N, C-alpha and C. Protein backbone atom coordinates (compact mmCIF):
# COMPACT_ATOMS: atom_id res chain seq x y z
N UNK A 1 -8.48 20.24 -4.77
CA UNK A 1 -9.44 19.13 -4.54
C UNK A 1 -10.99 19.55 -5.37
N UNK A 2 -11.63 18.76 -5.84
CA UNK A 2 -12.72 19.21 -7.11
C UNK A 2 -14.10 19.80 -6.11
N UNK A 3 -14.68 20.75 -6.34
CA UNK A 3 -16.19 21.33 -5.66
C UNK A 3 -17.02 19.79 -5.15
N UNK A 4 -17.26 19.64 -4.20
CA UNK A 4 -18.26 18.46 -3.71
C UNK A 4 -17.57 17.23 -3.30
N UNK A 5 -16.11 17.15 -3.22
CA UNK A 5 -15.54 16.15 -2.47
C UNK A 5 -15.97 15.54 -1.38
N UNK A 6 -16.13 14.49 -1.16
CA UNK A 6 -17.02 14.02 0.15
C UNK A 6 -16.09 13.24 0.92
N UNK A 7 -15.60 14.17 1.97
CA UNK A 7 -14.59 13.99 3.16
C UNK A 7 -15.41 13.17 4.36
N UNK A 8 -15.88 12.16 4.26
CA UNK A 8 -17.08 11.58 5.00
C UNK A 8 -16.53 11.02 5.95
N UNK A 9 -16.21 11.30 7.59
CA UNK A 9 -15.28 10.86 8.67
C UNK A 9 -15.34 9.31 8.97
N UNK A 10 -16.35 8.64 8.47
CA UNK A 10 -16.60 7.27 8.63
C UNK A 10 -16.02 6.33 7.18
N UNK A 11 -15.50 7.01 6.43
CA UNK A 11 -15.28 6.13 5.08
C UNK A 11 -13.67 5.81 5.24
N UNK A 12 -13.53 4.72 4.92
CA UNK A 12 -12.15 3.93 5.07
C UNK A 12 -10.90 5.03 4.17
N UNK A 13 -9.93 5.25 4.61
CA UNK A 13 -8.47 5.90 4.15
C UNK A 13 -7.95 4.60 3.41
N UNK A 14 -7.64 4.44 2.02
CA UNK A 14 -7.00 3.19 1.70
C UNK A 14 -5.45 4.07 1.63
N UNK A 15 -4.41 3.70 1.82
CA UNK A 15 -2.99 4.43 1.03
C UNK A 15 -2.17 3.45 0.20
N UNK A 16 -1.75 3.47 -0.23
CA UNK A 16 -0.74 2.75 -1.39
C UNK A 16 0.71 2.93 -0.89
N UNK A 17 1.35 2.50 -0.97
CA UNK A 17 2.84 2.06 -0.20
C UNK A 17 3.91 2.99 -1.11
N UNK A 18 4.44 2.40 -2.20
CA UNK A 18 5.15 3.12 -3.22
C UNK A 18 5.19 4.09 -3.41
N UNK A 19 6.15 5.22 -3.51
CA UNK A 19 5.46 6.70 -4.24
C UNK A 19 4.43 7.20 -3.92
N UNK A 20 3.90 6.77 -2.66
CA UNK A 20 2.85 7.52 -2.06
C UNK A 20 3.01 7.73 -0.56
N UNK A 21 3.17 6.54 0.13
CA UNK A 21 3.72 6.77 1.75
C UNK A 21 5.41 6.78 1.74
N UNK A 22 5.81 6.07 0.37
CA UNK A 22 7.63 6.47 0.73
C UNK A 22 7.75 6.83 -0.66
N UNK A 23 9.07 7.52 -0.80
CA UNK A 23 9.76 8.13 -1.99
C UNK A 23 10.19 6.96 -2.33
N UNK A 24 10.19 5.87 -2.76
CA UNK A 24 11.36 4.95 -3.51
C UNK A 24 9.81 3.49 -3.96
N UNK A 25 10.65 2.99 -4.85
CA UNK A 25 9.53 1.63 -5.09
C UNK A 25 9.93 0.35 -4.48
N UNK A 26 10.20 -0.69 -3.49
CA UNK A 26 10.24 -1.56 -2.99
C UNK A 26 10.65 -2.67 -4.07
N UNK A 27 9.77 -3.03 -5.08
CA UNK A 27 10.10 -4.18 -6.09
C UNK A 27 11.64 -3.56 -6.51
N UNK A 28 11.76 -2.69 -6.84
CA UNK A 28 13.43 -1.98 -7.58
C UNK A 28 14.24 -2.29 -6.58
N UNK A 29 14.02 -1.43 -5.24
CA UNK A 29 15.10 -1.59 -4.39
C UNK A 29 15.57 -3.04 -4.07
N UNK A 30 14.50 -3.77 -3.85
CA UNK A 30 15.18 -5.00 -3.17
C UNK A 30 15.65 -6.07 -4.72
N UNK A 31 14.90 -5.51 -6.03
CA UNK A 31 16.08 -6.01 -6.84
C UNK A 31 17.29 -5.59 -7.36
N UNK A 32 17.36 -4.71 -6.96
CA UNK A 32 19.09 -4.04 -6.90
C UNK A 32 19.67 -4.58 -5.87
N UNK A 33 19.28 -4.84 -4.48
CA UNK A 33 19.72 -5.20 -3.83
C UNK A 33 20.09 -6.41 -3.67
N UNK A 34 19.20 -7.51 -4.25
CA UNK A 34 19.65 -9.03 -4.17
C UNK A 34 20.52 -9.31 -5.38
N UNK A 35 20.65 -8.55 -6.36
CA UNK A 35 21.73 -8.34 -7.95
C UNK A 35 23.14 -8.03 -7.02
N UNK A 36 22.88 -7.00 -6.23
CA UNK A 36 24.24 -6.47 -6.05
C UNK A 36 24.81 -7.49 -5.09
N UNK A 37 23.97 -8.26 -4.60
CA UNK A 37 24.58 -9.64 -3.65
C UNK A 37 25.02 -10.87 -4.31
N UNK A 38 24.09 -10.95 -5.08
CA UNK A 38 24.34 -12.38 -5.86
C UNK A 38 23.75 -12.07 -7.82
N UNK A 39 24.63 -11.32 -8.34
CA UNK A 39 24.36 -11.35 -9.61
C UNK A 39 23.67 -12.36 -10.34
N UNK A 40 24.71 -13.13 -10.57
CA UNK A 40 24.18 -14.72 -10.92
C UNK A 40 22.43 -14.58 -10.93
N UNK A 41 21.74 -14.23 -10.26
CA UNK A 41 20.43 -14.64 -9.94
C UNK A 41 19.33 -13.78 -11.36
N UNK A 42 19.79 -12.98 -11.91
CA UNK A 42 19.49 -12.46 -13.37
C UNK A 42 18.73 -13.24 -14.06
N UNK A 43 19.51 -14.35 -13.93
CA UNK A 43 18.97 -15.39 -15.09
C UNK A 43 17.86 -16.44 -14.48
N UNK A 44 17.64 -16.00 -13.31
CA UNK A 44 16.22 -17.04 -12.25
C UNK A 44 15.31 -15.84 -12.59
N UNK A 45 15.76 -14.40 -13.03
CA UNK A 45 14.52 -13.63 -12.76
C UNK A 45 13.15 -13.76 -14.08
N UNK A 46 13.42 -14.40 -15.32
CA UNK A 46 12.69 -15.01 -16.11
C UNK A 46 11.92 -15.50 -15.51
N UNK A 47 12.21 -16.75 -14.82
CA UNK A 47 11.63 -18.01 -14.26
C UNK A 47 10.86 -17.45 -13.17
N UNK A 48 11.14 -16.47 -12.65
CA UNK A 48 10.40 -16.09 -11.45
C UNK A 48 9.28 -15.34 -11.85
N UNK A 49 9.78 -14.36 -12.96
CA UNK A 49 8.39 -13.39 -13.10
C UNK A 49 7.21 -14.34 -14.09
N UNK A 50 7.87 -15.11 -14.52
CA UNK A 50 6.75 -16.24 -15.52
C UNK A 50 6.09 -17.01 -14.55
N UNK A 51 6.17 -17.03 -13.37
CA UNK A 51 5.19 -17.73 -12.59
C UNK A 51 4.26 -16.43 -11.79
N UNK A 52 4.54 -15.29 -12.14
CA UNK A 52 3.87 -14.30 -11.58
C UNK A 52 4.56 -13.46 -10.75
N UNK A 53 4.34 -11.85 -11.10
CA UNK A 53 4.83 -10.85 -10.36
C UNK A 53 4.80 -11.32 -8.29
N UNK A 54 3.74 -11.64 -8.31
CA UNK A 54 3.85 -11.93 -6.63
C UNK A 54 4.91 -12.92 -6.38
N UNK A 55 5.12 -13.80 -7.24
CA UNK A 55 5.84 -14.75 -6.81
C UNK A 55 7.50 -14.03 -7.57
N UNK A 56 7.63 -13.55 -7.61
CA UNK A 56 8.89 -12.86 -7.97
C UNK A 56 8.98 -11.64 -6.86
N UNK A 57 7.99 -11.25 -6.22
CA UNK A 57 8.04 -10.57 -5.09
C UNK A 57 8.79 -11.31 -3.86
N UNK A 58 8.13 -12.57 -3.66
CA UNK A 58 7.85 -13.75 -2.50
C UNK A 58 9.63 -13.98 -2.83
N UNK A 59 10.34 -14.05 -4.20
CA UNK A 59 11.96 -14.93 -4.11
C UNK A 59 12.56 -13.68 -3.61
N UNK A 60 11.92 -12.36 -3.78
CA UNK A 60 13.31 -11.15 -3.59
C UNK A 60 13.43 -11.18 -2.21
N UNK A 61 11.89 -11.02 -1.54
CA UNK A 61 11.64 -10.65 0.05
C UNK A 61 12.68 -11.66 0.81
N UNK A 62 12.90 -13.06 0.20
CA UNK A 62 13.70 -14.28 1.20
C UNK A 62 14.87 -13.80 1.28
N UNK A 63 15.08 -12.92 0.16
CA UNK A 63 16.71 -12.68 -0.14
C UNK A 63 17.10 -11.08 0.44
N UNK A 64 16.08 -10.14 0.74
CA UNK A 64 16.29 -8.75 1.09
C UNK A 64 15.45 -8.61 2.14
N UNK A 65 16.07 -8.21 3.31
CA UNK A 65 14.79 -7.60 4.38
C UNK A 65 14.92 -6.04 4.30
N UNK A 66 13.44 -5.06 4.58
CA UNK A 66 14.07 -3.52 4.53
C UNK A 66 14.40 -3.18 5.99
N UNK A 67 14.74 -2.06 6.10
CA UNK A 67 14.85 -1.33 7.39
C UNK A 67 14.00 -0.42 7.46
N UNK A 68 12.77 -0.26 7.77
CA UNK A 68 11.41 0.60 7.75
C UNK A 68 11.80 1.85 8.30
N UNK A 69 12.27 1.73 9.40
CA UNK A 69 12.89 3.24 10.08
C UNK A 69 13.47 4.23 9.08
N UNK A 70 14.63 3.15 8.03
CA UNK A 70 15.08 4.48 7.11
C UNK A 70 14.74 4.75 5.79
N UNK A 71 13.47 4.03 5.52
CA UNK A 71 12.73 4.53 4.44
C UNK A 71 12.64 6.02 3.90
N UNK A 72 12.17 6.31 2.70
CA UNK A 72 11.80 8.01 3.02
C UNK A 72 10.41 8.16 2.33
N UNK A 73 10.08 8.50 3.95
CA UNK A 73 8.62 8.46 4.13
C UNK A 73 8.17 10.22 3.31
N UNK A 74 7.36 10.22 3.01
CA UNK A 74 6.80 11.33 2.60
C UNK A 74 5.83 12.12 3.34
N UNK A 75 6.42 13.12 4.07
CA UNK A 75 5.46 13.79 5.15
C UNK A 75 4.11 14.13 4.85
N UNK A 76 3.80 15.05 3.67
CA UNK A 76 2.91 15.30 3.18
C UNK A 76 1.75 14.01 3.31
N UNK A 77 2.00 13.09 2.94
CA UNK A 77 1.00 11.70 3.00
C UNK A 77 1.04 11.85 4.61
N UNK A 78 2.05 11.72 5.35
CA UNK A 78 1.81 11.51 6.95
C UNK A 78 0.87 11.99 7.43
N UNK A 79 1.00 13.72 7.28
CA UNK A 79 0.05 14.34 7.75
C UNK A 79 -1.21 14.22 7.51
N UNK A 80 -1.31 14.03 6.05
CA UNK A 80 -3.07 14.07 5.63
C UNK A 80 -3.26 12.38 6.23
N UNK A 81 -2.74 11.35 6.45
CA UNK A 81 -3.26 10.32 7.41
C UNK A 81 -3.74 10.65 8.95
N UNK A 82 -2.88 11.17 8.98
CA UNK A 82 -2.59 11.74 10.93
C UNK A 82 -4.19 12.66 10.91
N UNK A 83 -4.52 13.12 9.59
CA UNK A 83 -5.44 13.95 10.05
C UNK A 83 -6.79 13.37 9.78
N UNK A 84 -6.61 12.42 8.78
CA UNK A 84 -7.79 11.44 8.62
C UNK A 84 -8.20 10.64 9.95
N UNK A 85 -7.09 10.19 10.44
CA UNK A 85 -7.10 9.52 11.67
C UNK A 85 -7.91 10.24 12.82
N UNK A 86 -7.49 11.46 13.19
CA UNK A 86 -8.22 12.09 13.71
C UNK A 86 -9.57 12.12 13.57
N UNK A 87 -10.23 12.15 12.68
CA UNK A 87 -11.33 12.52 12.09
C UNK A 87 -12.50 11.37 12.46
N UNK A 88 -11.50 10.14 12.55
CA UNK A 88 -12.19 9.07 12.70
C UNK A 88 -11.95 7.85 11.57
N UNK A 89 -11.55 7.99 10.58
CA UNK A 89 -10.92 7.24 9.74
C UNK A 89 -10.62 6.27 9.86
N UNK A 90 -10.97 4.89 9.51
CA UNK A 90 -9.98 3.51 9.68
C UNK A 90 -9.01 3.87 8.57
N UNK A 91 -7.68 3.59 8.46
CA UNK A 91 -6.94 3.89 7.65
C UNK A 91 -6.06 2.36 7.60
N UNK A 92 -5.93 1.86 6.37
CA UNK A 92 -5.69 0.62 6.04
C UNK A 92 -4.18 1.06 4.79
N UNK A 93 -3.25 0.46 4.96
CA UNK A 93 -2.38 0.06 4.05
C UNK A 93 -2.32 -0.85 2.91
N UNK A 94 -2.55 -0.51 1.88
CA UNK A 94 -3.10 -1.53 0.80
C UNK A 94 -2.39 -1.11 -0.45
N UNK A 95 -0.95 -2.10 -0.56
CA UNK A 95 -0.01 -2.43 -1.57
C UNK A 95 0.29 -3.59 -2.42
N UNK A 96 0.70 -3.21 -3.32
CA UNK A 96 1.39 -4.18 -4.30
C UNK A 96 2.74 -4.76 -3.50
N UNK A 97 3.44 -4.44 -2.80
CA UNK A 97 4.52 -4.48 -1.90
C UNK A 97 4.35 -5.82 -1.30
N UNK A 98 5.21 -6.74 -1.16
CA UNK A 98 5.29 -8.10 -0.23
C UNK A 98 4.59 -7.54 0.81
N UNK A 99 3.95 -8.76 1.48
CA UNK A 99 3.27 -8.48 2.81
C UNK A 99 4.01 -8.82 3.69
N UNK A 100 5.34 -9.36 3.56
CA UNK A 100 6.26 -9.30 4.93
C UNK A 100 6.84 -7.43 4.79
N UNK A 101 7.29 -6.52 3.50
CA UNK A 101 8.01 -5.72 3.46
C UNK A 101 6.34 -4.43 4.18
N UNK A 102 5.27 -5.04 3.59
CA UNK A 102 4.14 -4.38 4.39
C UNK A 102 4.24 -4.09 5.63
N UNK A 103 4.24 -5.39 6.37
CA UNK A 103 3.88 -5.18 7.88
C UNK A 103 4.97 -4.99 8.50
N UNK A 104 6.10 -4.79 7.91
CA UNK A 104 7.67 -3.88 8.67
C UNK A 104 6.84 -2.44 8.61
N UNK A 105 6.68 -2.23 7.44
CA UNK A 105 6.18 -0.76 7.68
C UNK A 105 5.08 0.07 8.77
N UNK A 106 4.11 -1.15 8.93
CA UNK A 106 2.89 -0.78 9.76
C UNK A 106 3.48 -1.29 11.18
N UNK A 107 4.11 -1.58 11.19
CA UNK A 107 4.75 -2.12 12.63
C UNK A 107 5.95 -0.62 12.87
N UNK A 108 6.53 -0.02 11.93
CA UNK A 108 7.20 1.07 12.43
C UNK A 108 6.38 2.34 12.53
N UNK A 109 5.37 2.19 12.42
CA UNK A 109 4.20 3.42 12.38
C UNK A 109 3.43 3.16 13.57
N UNK A 110 3.95 2.05 14.23
CA UNK A 110 3.04 1.48 15.73
C UNK A 110 3.94 2.64 17.14
N UNK A 111 3.23 2.90 17.91
CA UNK A 111 3.44 3.67 19.04
C UNK A 111 3.84 2.69 20.56
N UNK A 112 3.15 2.23 20.83
CA UNK A 112 2.96 1.24 22.07
C UNK A 112 3.49 -0.29 22.22
N UNK A 113 4.41 -0.47 23.32
CA UNK A 113 5.26 -1.60 23.14
C UNK A 113 4.76 -2.48 23.70
N UNK A 114 5.07 -3.46 23.85
CA UNK A 114 4.74 -4.88 24.92
C UNK A 114 3.05 -5.20 24.17
N UNK A 115 2.19 -4.97 23.02
CA UNK A 115 1.33 -5.91 22.84
C UNK A 115 1.32 -6.25 21.19
N UNK A 116 0.07 -6.97 21.01
CA UNK A 116 0.10 -7.46 19.85
C UNK A 116 -1.17 -7.07 18.89
N UNK A 117 -0.68 -6.87 17.83
CA UNK A 117 -2.00 -6.61 16.50
C UNK A 117 -1.93 -7.73 15.91
N UNK A 118 -3.09 -8.50 15.82
CA UNK A 118 -3.69 -10.11 15.27
C UNK A 118 -3.89 -8.97 13.42
N UNK A 119 -3.04 -9.73 12.60
CA UNK A 119 -3.67 -9.47 10.86
C UNK A 119 -4.20 -10.72 10.51
N UNK A 120 -5.42 -11.16 10.33
CA UNK A 120 -6.03 -12.46 9.96
C UNK A 120 -6.37 -12.57 8.56
N UNK A 121 -6.52 -13.74 8.21
CA UNK A 121 -6.65 -13.74 6.75
C UNK A 121 -7.67 -13.74 6.36
N UNK A 122 -8.95 -13.33 7.26
CA UNK A 122 -10.44 -13.17 6.99
C UNK A 122 -10.45 -11.52 7.04
N UNK A 123 -9.71 -10.53 7.56
CA UNK A 123 -9.48 -9.39 7.62
C UNK A 123 -8.78 -9.12 5.99
N UNK A 124 -7.90 -9.68 5.71
CA UNK A 124 -7.36 -9.27 4.56
C UNK A 124 -7.66 -10.37 3.10
N UNK A 125 -8.83 -10.97 2.95
CA UNK A 125 -9.42 -11.43 1.97
C UNK A 125 -8.90 -12.72 1.62
N UNK A 126 -8.29 -13.43 2.48
CA UNK A 126 -7.52 -14.54 2.38
C UNK A 126 -6.17 -14.40 1.50
N UNK A 127 -5.34 -13.46 1.42
CA UNK A 127 -4.41 -12.76 0.90
C UNK A 127 -3.28 -13.47 1.51
N UNK A 128 -3.14 -13.57 2.54
CA UNK A 128 -2.32 -14.16 2.93
C UNK A 128 -2.26 -15.58 3.52
N UNK A 129 -2.47 -16.66 2.96
CA UNK A 129 -2.42 -17.82 2.60
C UNK A 129 -3.37 -18.47 3.66
N UNK A 130 -2.98 -19.27 4.36
CA UNK A 130 -3.97 -20.28 5.40
C UNK A 130 -3.05 -20.05 6.84
N UNK A 131 -2.86 -19.29 7.18
CA UNK A 131 -2.57 -18.45 7.98
C UNK A 131 -2.71 -17.30 8.90
N UNK A 132 -2.49 -17.03 9.97
CA UNK A 132 -2.65 -15.67 10.86
C UNK A 132 -1.55 -14.99 10.80
N UNK A 133 -1.00 -13.54 10.50
CA UNK A 133 0.01 -13.08 10.63
C UNK A 133 0.03 -12.25 12.27
N UNK A 134 1.15 -12.65 12.83
CA UNK A 134 0.82 -11.74 14.19
C UNK A 134 2.22 -10.48 14.29
N UNK A 135 1.27 -9.66 14.46
CA UNK A 135 2.89 -8.50 14.48
C UNK A 135 3.00 -7.94 15.82
N UNK A 136 4.28 -8.98 16.08
CA UNK A 136 4.59 -8.87 17.35
C UNK A 136 5.14 -7.32 18.22
N UNK A 137 4.56 -6.50 18.12
CA UNK A 137 5.01 -5.21 18.49
C UNK A 137 4.06 -4.10 19.27
N UNK A 138 3.27 -3.73 18.69
CA UNK A 138 2.25 -2.80 19.31
C UNK A 138 0.88 -2.62 19.25
N UNK A 139 0.12 -1.91 19.23
CA UNK A 139 -1.40 -1.49 19.79
C UNK A 139 -1.92 -1.46 18.48
N UNK A 140 -2.76 -1.82 17.91
CA UNK A 140 -3.37 -1.45 16.39
C UNK A 140 -4.12 -0.17 17.24
N UNK A 141 -5.15 -0.04 17.91
CA UNK A 141 -5.59 1.20 18.43
C UNK A 141 -5.00 2.78 18.51
N UNK A 142 -3.35 2.32 18.51
CA UNK A 142 -2.01 3.31 18.73
C UNK A 142 -1.59 3.55 17.47
N UNK A 143 -1.74 2.65 16.63
CA UNK A 143 -0.82 2.42 15.32
C UNK A 143 -1.93 3.51 14.06
N UNK A 144 -0.66 4.05 13.61
CA UNK A 144 -1.43 4.89 12.54
C UNK A 144 -2.21 4.06 11.38
N UNK A 145 -1.69 2.80 11.18
CA UNK A 145 -2.52 2.22 10.01
C UNK A 145 -3.35 0.87 11.09
N UNK A 146 -4.59 0.54 10.37
CA UNK A 146 -5.58 -0.15 11.38
C UNK A 146 -5.45 -1.38 10.84
N UNK A 147 -4.99 -1.68 9.58
CA UNK A 147 -4.94 -2.97 9.23
C UNK A 147 -4.07 -2.83 7.89
N UNK A 148 -3.95 -4.07 7.16
CA UNK A 148 -2.77 -4.06 6.07
C UNK A 148 -3.40 -5.10 4.98
N UNK A 149 -3.01 -4.57 3.44
CA UNK A 149 -3.34 -5.65 2.70
C UNK A 149 -2.42 -5.47 1.91
N UNK A 150 -1.89 -6.52 0.95
CA UNK A 150 -0.55 -6.40 0.44
C UNK A 150 -0.71 -7.73 -0.71
N UNK A 151 1.02 -7.99 -1.34
CA UNK A 151 1.37 -8.83 -2.34
C UNK A 151 1.36 -10.04 -1.45
N UNK A 152 1.03 -11.86 -2.22
CA UNK A 152 1.96 -12.83 -1.27
C UNK A 152 2.55 -13.34 -2.95
N UNK A 153 3.25 -14.58 -2.75
CA UNK A 153 3.42 -15.43 -3.45
C UNK A 153 2.55 -15.85 -5.03
N UNK A 154 1.29 -15.68 -4.49
CA UNK A 154 0.34 -16.27 -5.42
C UNK A 154 -0.96 -15.11 -5.89
N UNK A 155 -0.27 -13.90 -5.57
CA UNK A 155 -1.25 -12.89 -5.83
C UNK A 155 -0.68 -11.38 -5.58
N UNK A 156 -0.91 -10.55 -6.39
CA UNK A 156 -0.30 -9.29 -6.75
C UNK A 156 -1.38 -8.62 -6.75
N UNK A 157 -1.37 -7.48 -5.13
CA UNK A 157 -2.22 -6.76 -5.23
C UNK A 157 -2.32 -5.16 -6.01
N UNK A 158 -2.28 -5.25 -7.02
CA UNK A 158 -2.16 -4.10 -7.94
C UNK A 158 -3.33 -3.99 -8.97
N UNK A 159 -3.40 -2.58 -9.53
CA UNK A 159 -4.34 -1.96 -10.34
C UNK A 159 -5.33 -2.43 -10.09
N UNK A 160 -6.15 -3.49 -11.20
CA UNK A 160 -7.11 -3.99 -11.36
C UNK A 160 -7.96 -4.84 -10.12
N UNK A 161 -6.55 -5.50 -10.20
CA UNK A 161 -6.88 -6.63 -8.69
C UNK A 161 -6.72 -6.10 -7.34
N UNK A 162 -6.46 -4.61 -7.50
CA UNK A 162 -6.57 -4.19 -5.82
C UNK A 162 -7.77 -3.73 -5.83
N UNK A 163 -8.83 -3.05 -6.97
CA UNK A 163 -9.69 -2.44 -6.74
C UNK A 163 -10.89 -3.47 -6.65
N UNK A 164 -10.41 -4.83 -7.35
CA UNK A 164 -11.39 -5.59 -7.09
C UNK A 164 -11.63 -6.03 -5.53
N UNK A 165 -10.67 -6.06 -5.16
CA UNK A 165 -10.36 -6.78 -3.94
C UNK A 165 -11.15 -5.87 -2.75
N UNK A 166 -11.07 -4.55 -3.30
CA UNK A 166 -11.21 -3.25 -2.39
C UNK A 166 -12.80 -2.91 -2.61
N UNK A 167 -13.43 -3.01 -3.70
CA UNK A 167 -14.66 -3.32 -3.85
C UNK A 167 -15.47 -4.62 -3.17
N UNK A 168 -14.81 -5.43 -2.99
CA UNK A 168 -15.16 -6.82 -2.45
C UNK A 168 -15.02 -6.70 -0.90
N UNK A 169 -14.14 -5.85 -0.35
CA UNK A 169 -14.39 -5.49 0.97
C UNK A 169 -15.28 -4.31 1.42
N UNK A 170 -14.97 -3.38 1.05
CA UNK A 170 -15.93 -2.10 1.40
C UNK A 170 -17.35 -1.59 0.30
N UNK A 171 -17.15 -1.83 -1.17
CA UNK A 171 -18.23 -1.49 -1.95
C UNK A 171 -17.65 -0.88 -2.40
N UNK A 172 -18.13 -0.46 -3.46
CA UNK A 172 -17.88 0.44 -4.89
C UNK A 172 -18.23 2.11 -4.24
N UNK A 173 -17.45 3.08 -4.42
CA UNK A 173 -17.30 4.11 -4.31
C UNK A 173 -17.69 4.19 -1.95
N UNK A 174 -16.94 3.19 -1.66
CA UNK A 174 -16.95 3.44 -0.17
C UNK A 174 -16.06 3.62 0.74
N UNK A 175 -15.07 4.01 -0.29
CA UNK A 175 -13.40 4.19 0.43
C UNK A 175 -12.87 5.29 -0.72
N UNK A 176 -11.85 5.67 0.46
CA UNK A 176 -11.00 6.72 -0.38
C UNK A 176 -9.81 6.28 -0.74
N UNK A 177 -8.84 6.97 -1.69
CA UNK A 177 -7.53 5.86 -2.24
C UNK A 177 -6.81 6.63 -2.18
N UNK A 178 -5.20 6.92 -1.73
CA UNK A 178 -4.21 7.68 -1.92
C UNK A 178 -3.21 6.79 -2.61
N UNK A 179 -2.99 7.13 -4.11
CA UNK A 179 -2.27 6.85 -4.96
C UNK A 179 -1.32 7.68 -5.70
N UNK A 180 -0.54 7.52 -6.92
CA UNK A 180 0.72 7.86 -7.59
C UNK A 180 0.35 7.71 -8.95
N UNK A 181 0.32 6.68 -9.15
CA UNK A 181 0.70 6.34 -10.65
C UNK A 181 -0.69 5.83 -11.68
N UNK A 182 -0.48 5.87 -13.34
CA UNK A 182 -1.55 5.12 -13.76
C UNK A 182 -2.14 3.93 -13.28
N UNK A 183 -1.08 3.25 -12.63
CA UNK A 183 -2.08 1.71 -12.62
C UNK A 183 -2.89 2.10 -11.52
N UNK A 184 -3.40 3.03 -10.66
CA UNK A 184 -3.52 3.19 -9.41
C UNK A 184 -5.32 3.60 -10.54
N UNK A 185 -5.45 3.77 -11.18
CA UNK A 185 -6.68 4.65 -12.11
C UNK A 185 -7.99 3.76 -11.70
N UNK A 186 -7.89 2.24 -12.46
CA UNK A 186 -8.79 1.48 -11.38
C UNK A 186 -9.55 1.37 -10.23
N UNK A 187 -8.35 1.84 -9.42
CA UNK A 187 -8.39 1.96 -8.10
C UNK A 187 -9.71 3.26 -7.55
N UNK A 188 -8.71 4.50 -8.52
CA UNK A 188 -9.08 5.64 -8.00
C UNK A 188 -10.70 5.77 -8.34
N UNK A 189 -10.74 5.12 -9.62
CA UNK A 189 -12.36 4.83 -10.54
C UNK A 189 -13.44 4.19 -9.44
N UNK A 190 -12.69 3.30 -8.47
CA UNK A 190 -13.62 3.05 -7.73
C UNK A 190 -14.03 3.42 -6.29
N UNK A 191 -13.15 4.47 -5.95
CA UNK A 191 -13.22 5.09 -5.06
C UNK A 191 -13.96 6.01 -4.75
N UNK A 192 -14.48 6.69 -3.78
CA UNK A 192 -15.13 7.78 -3.21
C UNK A 192 -14.41 9.02 -3.32
N UNK A 193 -13.42 9.08 -3.33
CA UNK A 193 -12.43 10.18 -3.65
C UNK A 193 -11.02 9.60 -3.35
N UNK A 194 -10.34 10.40 -4.74
CA UNK A 194 -8.97 10.06 -5.43
C UNK A 194 -8.05 10.81 -5.10
N UNK A 195 -7.32 10.73 -4.00
CA UNK A 195 -6.59 11.39 -3.56
C UNK A 195 -5.14 11.09 -4.40
N UNK A 196 -4.34 11.76 -4.79
CA UNK A 196 -3.21 12.14 -5.97
C UNK A 196 -1.90 12.79 -5.08
N UNK A 197 -0.73 11.81 -5.08
CA UNK A 197 0.16 12.25 -4.34
C UNK A 197 1.48 11.86 -5.28
N UNK A 198 2.45 13.12 -5.29
CA UNK A 198 3.17 12.98 -6.15
C UNK A 198 2.91 12.11 -7.59
N UNK A 199 1.95 13.26 -8.52
CA UNK A 199 1.70 12.93 -9.36
C UNK A 199 2.35 13.45 -10.43
N UNK A 200 2.44 12.87 -11.83
CA UNK A 200 2.66 13.59 -12.98
C UNK A 200 1.42 14.41 -13.74
N UNK A 201 1.63 15.35 -14.44
CA UNK A 201 0.40 16.11 -15.39
C UNK A 201 -0.70 15.04 -16.04
N UNK A 202 0.27 13.81 -16.52
CA UNK A 202 -0.74 12.69 -17.08
C UNK A 202 -1.49 12.21 -16.27
N UNK A 203 -1.49 11.69 -15.07
CA UNK A 203 -2.25 11.69 -13.96
C UNK A 203 -3.44 12.09 -13.93
N UNK A 204 -2.79 13.26 -13.46
CA UNK A 204 -4.08 14.49 -13.50
C UNK A 204 -4.54 14.26 -14.44
N UNK A 205 -4.52 14.65 -15.94
CA UNK A 205 -5.37 14.58 -16.78
C UNK A 205 -6.41 13.61 -16.60
N UNK A 206 -5.63 12.31 -16.43
CA UNK A 206 -6.57 11.48 -16.59
C UNK A 206 -7.35 11.28 -15.54
N UNK A 207 -7.25 11.70 -14.28
CA UNK A 207 -8.67 11.53 -13.26
C UNK A 207 -9.16 12.99 -13.38
N UNK A 208 -9.27 13.82 -14.53
CA UNK A 208 -10.20 14.86 -14.14
C UNK A 208 -11.66 14.56 -14.01
N UNK A 209 -11.60 13.57 -14.84
CA UNK A 209 -13.55 13.47 -14.40
C UNK A 209 -13.82 12.83 -13.05
N UNK A 210 -12.59 12.50 -12.11
CA UNK A 210 -12.97 12.01 -10.57
C UNK A 210 -13.32 13.02 -9.83
N UNK A 211 -13.67 12.61 -8.61
CA UNK A 211 -13.76 13.39 -7.33
C UNK A 211 -12.28 13.46 -6.85
N UNK A 212 -11.15 14.78 -7.13
CA UNK A 212 -9.79 13.96 -6.64
C UNK A 212 -9.55 15.32 -5.49
N UNK A 213 -8.72 15.08 -4.78
CA UNK A 213 -7.50 16.08 -4.00
C UNK A 213 -6.24 15.51 -4.38
N UNK A 214 -5.65 17.00 -4.93
CA UNK A 214 -4.12 17.07 -5.26
C UNK A 214 -3.61 17.28 -3.95
N UNK A 215 -2.54 16.23 -3.43
CA UNK A 215 -1.76 16.60 -2.84
C UNK A 215 -0.45 17.24 -3.14
N UNK A 216 0.52 16.38 -3.97
CA UNK A 216 1.19 16.60 -4.80
C UNK A 216 1.50 16.46 -5.81
N UNK A 217 2.70 17.22 -6.55
CA UNK A 217 3.09 16.96 -8.30
C UNK A 217 4.22 16.72 -7.84
N UNK A 218 4.62 15.94 -9.07
CA UNK A 218 5.90 15.38 -9.34
C UNK A 218 6.59 17.05 -10.09
N UNK A 219 8.15 17.10 -9.46
CA UNK A 219 8.70 17.95 -10.23
C UNK A 219 8.92 18.30 -11.35
């Protein structure tokens, strides 16, 4: 961590999913699974992608469901989130992965049964179209995550898009962000603290001008 890093207990912690919370990429995993089952769909990929990356992800999620319990979670990331949770930070999963996958991960980390968390479109900047999503499992008060922001068919929550939405919701330099890739640079530049997970030397070099905490490096 650079000297002077501001770890305010009341500042939200925003957590990326792919290669940050989990050591894989759900777009890659879903693509492989869908093509393995229906190889002919490869001919539709250019048409899906032409409509936007969010639309492509929406088509894949209709054909492949994840098992959140079996995903390869990164323990260092979880440990850091738990510590920030104890300090009083609001924890938000903000991912370019499809919202259905994001909800499954959030539900996996909830610990109390027989109640529900409502994630509505106002909280999530209208990213989830004109409907209210209900996580029919467990209480937000006992969840690792307090809220979720993710991609849908019409919007890909990545890079500059993610930075813009987070600034709209929290303000510039009013959140900490955990990520892993150069595409996260616009988000790190807008954050109070850039938390680097599973990062390459290139990422470290390109974030030297920021207030950073390096949790882990690529081997």
